[in-house]
Amino acid sequence: MDRAAGQTGNKPVPCFAGDQHVHTTYSIDAALLDGTTENVADYAAAADAGGLDWIITTDHSNVEFAALPTGVAVEIEAIFEAP
C-alpha cells in the first residue's frame, strides 16, 4: 500500500509514518545519562533516510539547563535550521 494514498472503502486516506517520542542532546537526561549527542537536524536526517515523514522531539530539561550555552535557545535555533 502506498503510504501517501492508503484506502478506506473507496476513499484514499493519507497515511504518514513518524516517531512521536525523540529526545535530542538538548534533553538534559538524554545527554547526561544516556550520552545522546544527536541534535534536531541529526534526527531529521535520520528520519528522512529511514523513510519517516515526521518526528516530534520530546526534550525536557529544567531551568538551570535552559540557562546553559547548550540549553533551550540553542535548541530552538536548531529546530528552525533542521531540514
Protein backbone atom coordinates (compact mmCIF):
# COMPACT_ATOMS: atom_id res chain seq x y z
CA MET A 1 0.00 0.00 0.00
CA ASP A 2 1.27 3.45 -0.88
CA ARG A 3 1.78 5.36 2.41
CA ALA A 4 0.52 8.61 0.93
CA ALA A 5 -2.57 7.01 -0.59
CA GLY A 6 -3.96 4.33 1.72
CA GLN A 7 -7.52 3.11 1.16
CA THR A 8 -10.59 3.20 3.38
CA GLY A 9 -13.55 1.97 1.41
CA ASN A 10 -13.43 3.86 -1.87
CA LYS A 11 -11.78 6.99 -0.49
CA PRO A 12 -7.99 7.45 -0.44
CA VAL A 13 -6.69 8.34 3.01
CA PRO A 14 -3.27 9.91 3.55
CA CYS A 15 -1.03 7.83 5.75
CA PHE A 16 2.22 9.20 7.17
CA ALA A 17 4.87 7.36 9.19
CA GLY A 18 6.71 9.04 12.04
CA ASP A 19 8.15 8.93 15.54
CA GLN A 20 6.40 10.88 18.27
CA HIS A 21 8.98 10.50 21.05
CA VAL A 22 12.55 11.55 20.28
CA HIS A 23 14.98 13.03 22.82
CA THR A 24 17.90 15.03 21.46
CA THR A 25 21.09 16.17 23.13
CA TYR A 26 19.11 19.17 24.40
CA SER A 27 17.16 16.94 26.78
CA ILE A 28 19.33 17.00 29.88
CA ASP A 29 18.71 13.41 30.95
CA ALA A 30 19.28 12.04 27.44
CA ALA A 31 22.53 13.98 27.12
CA LEU A 32 23.91 13.33 30.60
CA LEU A 33 22.51 9.90 31.42
CA ASP A 34 22.45 8.23 28.00
CA GLY A 35 25.19 10.18 26.23
CA THR A 36 22.90 11.24 23.37
CA THR A 37 24.76 13.59 21.04
CA GLU A 38 22.21 13.85 18.22
CA ASN A 39 20.55 17.22 17.70
CA VAL A 40 17.31 18.03 15.89
CA ALA A 41 18.96 18.14 12.45
CA ASP A 42 20.59 14.74 13.08
CA TYR A 43 17.24 13.14 13.93
CA ALA A 44 15.52 14.88 10.99
CA ALA A 45 18.15 13.50 8.61
CA ALA A 46 17.90 10.00 10.13
CA ALA A 47 14.10 10.09 9.93
CA ASP A 48 14.26 11.16 6.30
CA ALA A 49 16.79 8.44 5.48
CA GLY A 50 14.58 5.88 7.22
CA GLY A 51 11.52 6.92 5.25
CA LEU A 52 9.70 8.72 8.04
CA ASP A 53 7.52 11.71 7.20
CA TRP A 54 7.67 13.43 10.58
CA ILE A 55 9.18 13.41 14.08
CA ILE A 56 8.24 15.08 17.33
CA THR A 57 11.05 15.98 19.70
CA THR A 58 10.05 15.49 23.32
CA ASP A 59 13.00 17.07 25.05
CA HIS A 60 12.69 18.05 28.66
CA SER A 61 15.07 19.76 30.98
CA ASN A 62 14.95 22.27 33.79
CA VAL A 63 15.52 25.95 34.49
CA GLU A 64 19.24 25.52 35.18
CA PHE A 65 19.73 23.61 31.92
CA ALA A 66 17.87 26.29 29.96
CA ALA A 67 20.45 28.85 31.09
CA LEU A 68 23.41 26.81 29.81
CA PRO A 69 25.05 27.71 26.48
CA THR A 70 23.67 24.41 25.12
CA GLY A 71 20.19 25.00 26.53
CA VAL A 72 16.82 25.98 25.13
CA ALA A 73 17.89 28.93 22.95
CA VAL A 74 20.33 26.71 21.05
CA GLU A 75 17.67 24.00 20.67
CA ILE A 76 15.12 26.45 19.26
CA GLU A 77 17.69 27.70 16.76
CA ALA A 78 18.49 24.11 15.74
CA ILE A 79 14.81 23.32 15.20
CA PHE A 80 14.44 26.17 12.72
CA GLU A 81 17.64 25.17 10.92
CA ALA A 82 16.67 21.48 10.56
CA PRO A 83 15.75 20.34 7.05
